[in-house]
Amino acid sequence: MGEPVVAAPRLSLDRYLKGTRDRLSSVWHVPDGYAREGGLGLLYTAPTEGTHPLYLCVVRGDNFISTEVGCEGQAYVTRLGWIHAYPPAGVGSVPVYRCLVNGGREFFESNTADCEVRIVGGPPGWAVTA
């Protein structure tokens, strides 16, 4: 897919649902059949102090986010933007956790520390809220 160039300083990282459990989080256009569930925060479209890139990756047909360009040994899809490694000073922010539904091995992203009562994969970073 590549890494589109945009003029906006930030883009909304949104979570989408297809069917009853197939989730995808992206700042870009998503495939047909996905309905927006809500926003997870804003990602910068260019490097900003205290940020690192966030990537969209895929494994077994399931999308997940990663801070590693090599997608932890899985397939790279695109760079989503830049996310803070820690809560930034002086600006509103929310944690973005990578989560896992046990059994189905389905990845999704959440702002809740308990991953909506699922398995927490750790916060890849902090998205800004304004």
C-alpha atoms as a PDB file:
ATOM      1  CA  MET A   1       0.000   0.000   0.000  1.00  0.00           C
ATOM      2  CA  GLY A   2       2.787   2.434   0.752  1.00  0.00           C
ATOM      3  CA  GLU A   3       2.738   5.544   2.886  1.00  0.00           C
ATOM      4  CA  PRO A   4       0.448   8.304   1.575  1.00  0.00           C
ATOM      5  CA  VAL A   5       1.580  11.901   1.948  1.00  0.00           C
ATOM      6  CA  VAL A   6      -0.945  14.219   3.616  1.00  0.00           C
ATOM      7  CA  ALA A   7      -0.998  17.921   4.467  1.00  0.00           C
ATOM      8  CA  ALA A   8      -2.918  17.606   7.771  1.00  0.00           C
ATOM      9  CA  PRO A   9      -0.730  17.680  10.915  1.00  0.00           C
ATOM     10  CA  ARG A  10      -2.739  14.870  12.565  1.00  0.00           C
ATOM     11  CA  LEU A  11      -5.118  12.110  11.478  1.00  0.00           C
ATOM     12  CA  SER A  12      -7.684  10.227  13.547  1.00  0.00           C
ATOM     13  CA  LEU A  13      -6.815   6.613  14.312  1.00  0.00           C
ATOM     14  CA  ASP A  14     -10.234   4.976  14.056  1.00  0.00           C
ATOM     15  CA  ARG A  15     -11.347   1.456  14.916  1.00  0.00           C
ATOM     16  CA  TYR A  16     -13.615  -0.372  12.469  1.00  0.00           C
ATOM     17  CA  LEU A  17     -15.654  -3.564  12.774  1.00  0.00           C
ATOM     18  CA  LYS A  18     -16.649  -6.059  10.095  1.00  0.00           C
ATOM     19  CA  GLY A  19     -19.173  -8.688  11.101  1.00  0.00           C
ATOM     20  CA  THR A  20     -19.111  -9.461  14.799  1.00  0.00           C
ATOM     21  CA  ARG A  21     -15.375  -9.637  15.551  1.00  0.00           C
ATOM     22  CA  ASP A  22     -13.067  -8.620  12.675  1.00  0.00           C
ATOM     23  CA  ARG A  23     -11.552  -5.292  13.789  1.00  0.00           C
ATOM     24  CA  LEU A  24      -9.161  -3.007  11.948  1.00  0.00           C
ATOM     25  CA  SER A  25      -7.641   0.281  13.163  1.00  0.00           C
ATOM     26  CA  SER A  26      -6.437   2.767  10.580  1.00  0.00           C
ATOM     27  CA  VAL A  27      -6.070   6.422   9.638  1.00  0.00           C
ATOM     28  CA  TRP A  28      -6.598   5.546   5.958  1.00  0.00           C
ATOM     29  CA  HIS A  29      -9.501   4.236   3.906  1.00  0.00           C
ATOM     30  CA  VAL A  30     -10.573   0.757   5.004  1.00  0.00           C
ATOM     31  CA  PRO A  31     -11.954  -2.048   2.808  1.00  0.00           C
ATOM     32  CA  ASP A  32     -15.677  -2.310   2.142  1.00  0.00           C
ATOM     33  CA  GLY A  33     -17.757  -3.973   4.827  1.00  0.00           C
ATOM     34  CA  TYR A  34     -16.142  -2.279   7.832  1.00  0.00           C
ATOM     35  CA  ALA A  35     -18.182   0.117   9.988  1.00  0.00           C
ATOM     36  CA  ARG A  36     -16.502   2.741  12.162  1.00  0.00           C
ATOM     37  CA  GLU A  37     -16.746   1.902  15.881  1.00  0.00           C
ATOM     38  CA  GLY A  38     -15.009   5.012  17.162  1.00  0.00           C
ATOM     39  CA  GLY A  39     -11.818   7.010  17.457  1.00  0.00           C
ATOM     40  CA  LEU A  40      -8.712   5.945  19.370  1.00  0.00           C
ATOM     41  CA  GLY A  41      -6.940   9.323  19.261  1.00  0.00           C
ATOM     42  CA  LEU A  42      -4.889  11.350  16.808  1.00  0.00           C
ATOM     43  CA  LEU A  43      -1.585  10.393  15.209  1.00  0.00           C
ATOM     44  CA  TYR A  44       0.894  12.915  13.829  1.00  0.00           C
ATOM     45  CA  THR A  45       1.524  12.747  10.086  1.00  0.00           C
ATOM     46  CA  ALA A  46       5.212  13.644  10.486  1.00  0.00           C
ATOM     47  CA  PRO A  47       7.832  13.007  13.172  1.00  0.00           C
ATOM     48  CA  THR A  48       7.314  15.153  16.266  1.00  0.00           C
ATOM     49  CA  GLU A  49       9.496  15.333  19.380  1.00  0.00           C
ATOM     50  CA  GLY A  50       8.887  12.302  21.604  1.00  0.00           C
ATOM     51  CA  THR A  51       7.134  10.261  18.907  1.00  0.00           C
ATOM     52  CA  HIS A  52       7.951   7.124  16.960  1.00  0.00           C
ATOM     53  CA  PRO A  53       6.289   5.597  13.888  1.00  0.00           C
ATOM     54  CA  LEU A  54       3.264   3.319  14.216  1.00  0.00           C
ATOM     55  CA  TYR A  55       2.698   0.688  11.525  1.00  0.00           C
ATOM     56  CA  LEU A  56      -0.211  -1.418  10.346  1.00  0.00           C
ATOM     57  CA  CYS A  57       0.775  -5.059   9.923  1.00  0.00           C
ATOM     58  CA  VAL A  58      -0.973  -8.331   9.087  1.00  0.00           C
ATOM     59  CA  VAL A  59      -0.624 -11.925  10.279  1.00  0.00           C
ATOM     60  CA  ARG A  60      -2.929 -14.832   9.294  1.00  0.00           C
ATOM     61  CA  GLY A  61      -5.196 -12.292   7.571  1.00  0.00           C
ATOM     62  CA  ASP A  62      -5.576 -10.293  10.794  1.00  0.00           C
ATOM     63  CA  ASN A  63      -4.415  -6.681  11.108  1.00  0.00           C
ATOM     64  CA  PHE A  64      -2.462  -5.362  14.092  1.00  0.00           C
ATOM     65  CA  ILE A  65      -0.431  -2.283  14.999  1.00  0.00           C
ATOM     66  CA  SER A  66       3.264  -2.306  15.790  1.00  0.00           C
ATOM     67  CA  THR A  67       6.057   0.137  16.513  1.00  0.00           C
ATOM     68  CA  GLU A  68       8.449  -2.037  14.477  1.00  0.00           C
ATOM     69  CA  VAL A  69       8.779  -1.415  10.745  1.00  0.00           C
ATOM     70  CA  GLY A  70       9.513  -5.141  10.368  1.00  0.00           C
ATOM     71  CA  CYS A  71       6.109  -5.883  11.937  1.00  0.00           C
ATOM     72  CA  GLU A  72       7.648  -8.308  14.421  1.00  0.00           C
ATOM     73  CA  GLY A  73       8.401 -10.709  11.591  1.00  0.00           C
ATOM     74  CA  GLN A  74       4.951 -10.409  10.007  1.00  0.00           C
ATOM     75  CA  ALA A  75       3.755  -8.593   6.867  1.00  0.00           C
ATOM     76  CA  TYR A  76       4.042  -4.794   6.624  1.00  0.00           C
ATOM     77  CA  VAL A  77       0.991  -2.927   5.278  1.00  0.00           C
ATOM     78  CA  THR A  78       1.602   0.810   5.821  1.00  0.00           C
ATOM     79  CA  ARG A  79       2.805   3.442   8.230  1.00  0.00           C
ATOM     80  CA  LEU A  80      -0.159   4.936  10.087  1.00  0.00           C
ATOM     81  CA  GLY A  81       1.636   7.935  11.570  1.00  0.00           C
ATOM     82  CA  TRP A  82       3.651   8.907  14.636  1.00  0.00           C
ATOM     83  CA  ILE A  83       2.589   8.185  18.212  1.00  0.00           C
ATOM     84  CA  HIS A  84       4.071   9.292  21.539  1.00  0.00           C
ATOM     85  CA  ALA A  85       6.127   6.746  23.458  1.00  0.00           C
ATOM     86  CA  TYR A  86       4.923   8.259  26.766  1.00  0.00           C
ATOM     87  CA  PRO A  87       2.102  10.625  27.755  1.00  0.00           C
ATOM     88  CA  PRO A  88       3.124  13.988  26.290  1.00  0.00           C
ATOM     89  CA  ALA A  89       3.362  17.006  28.574  1.00  0.00           C
ATOM     90  CA  GLY A  90       0.969  19.878  27.970  1.00  0.00           C
ATOM     91  CA  VAL A  91      -1.392  18.097  25.591  1.00  0.00           C
ATOM     92  CA  GLY A  92      -4.317  15.744  26.118  1.00  0.00           C
ATOM     93  CA  SER A  93      -3.587  12.130  25.285  1.00  0.00           C
ATOM     94  CA  VAL A  94      -4.938   8.588  25.575  1.00  0.00           C
ATOM     95  CA  PRO A  95      -3.122   5.256  25.639  1.00  0.00           C
ATOM     96  CA  VAL A  96      -3.554   2.977  22.640  1.00  0.00           C
ATOM     97  CA  TYR A  97      -3.235  -0.679  23.621  1.00  0.00           C
ATOM     98  CA  ARG A  98      -2.770  -3.624  21.313  1.00  0.00           C
ATOM     99  CA  CYS A  99      -5.183  -6.315  22.473  1.00  0.00           C
ATOM    100  CA  LEU A 100      -5.921  -9.940  21.695  1.00  0.00           C
ATOM    101  CA  VAL A 101      -9.056 -12.044  21.850  1.00  0.00           C
ATOM    102  CA  ASN A 102      -7.922 -15.393  23.227  1.00  0.00           C
ATOM    103  CA  GLY A 103      -8.960 -18.480  21.305  1.00  0.00           C
ATOM    104  CA  GLY A 104      -9.667 -16.695  18.036  1.00  0.00           C
ATOM    105  CA  ARG A 105      -6.260 -14.988  18.033  1.00  0.00           C
ATOM    106  CA  GLU A 106      -7.971 -11.804  16.838  1.00  0.00           C
ATOM    107  CA  PHE A 107      -6.038  -8.551  17.342  1.00  0.00           C
ATOM    108  CA  PHE A 108      -7.692  -5.199  18.004  1.00  0.00           C
ATOM    109  CA  GLU A 109      -6.809  -1.840  19.557  1.00  0.00           C
ATOM    110  CA  SER A 110      -8.360  -0.155  22.582  1.00  0.00           C
ATOM    111  CA  ASN A 111      -7.920   2.819  24.906  1.00  0.00           C
ATOM    112  CA  THR A 112      -8.858   0.780  27.993  1.00  0.00           C
ATOM    113  CA  ALA A 113      -6.104  -0.664  30.191  1.00  0.00           C
ATOM    114  CA  ASP A 114      -7.872  -4.050  30.454  1.00  0.00           C
ATOM    115  CA  CYS A 115      -8.406  -4.284  26.665  1.00  0.00           C
ATOM    116  CA  GLU A 116     -12.154  -4.524  27.192  1.00  0.00           C
ATOM    117  CA  VAL A 117     -11.627  -7.640  29.326  1.00  0.00           C
ATOM    118  CA  ARG A 118      -9.290  -9.255  26.800  1.00  0.00           C
ATOM    119  CA  ILE A 119      -5.552  -9.954  26.727  1.00  0.00           C
ATOM    120  CA  VAL A 120      -3.389  -6.823  26.906  1.00  0.00           C
ATOM    121  CA  GLY A 121      -0.461  -6.714  24.499  1.00  0.00           C
ATOM    122  CA  GLY A 122       0.882  -3.510  26.017  1.00  0.00           C
ATOM    123  CA  PRO A 123       0.526   0.117  25.000  1.00  0.00           C
ATOM    124  CA  PRO A 124       2.399   0.850  21.793  1.00  0.00           C
ATOM    125  CA  GLY A 125       1.994   4.501  22.620  1.00  0.00           C
ATOM    126  CA  TRP A 126      -0.082   7.531  23.445  1.00  0.00           C
ATOM    127  CA  ALA A 127      -2.277   9.274  20.885  1.00  0.00           C
ATOM    128  CA  VAL A 128      -3.107  12.948  21.315  1.00  0.00           C
ATOM    129  CA  THR A 129      -6.698  14.085  21.772  1.00  0.00           C
ATOM    130  CA  ALA A 130      -6.470  17.641  20.431  1.00  0.00           C
END
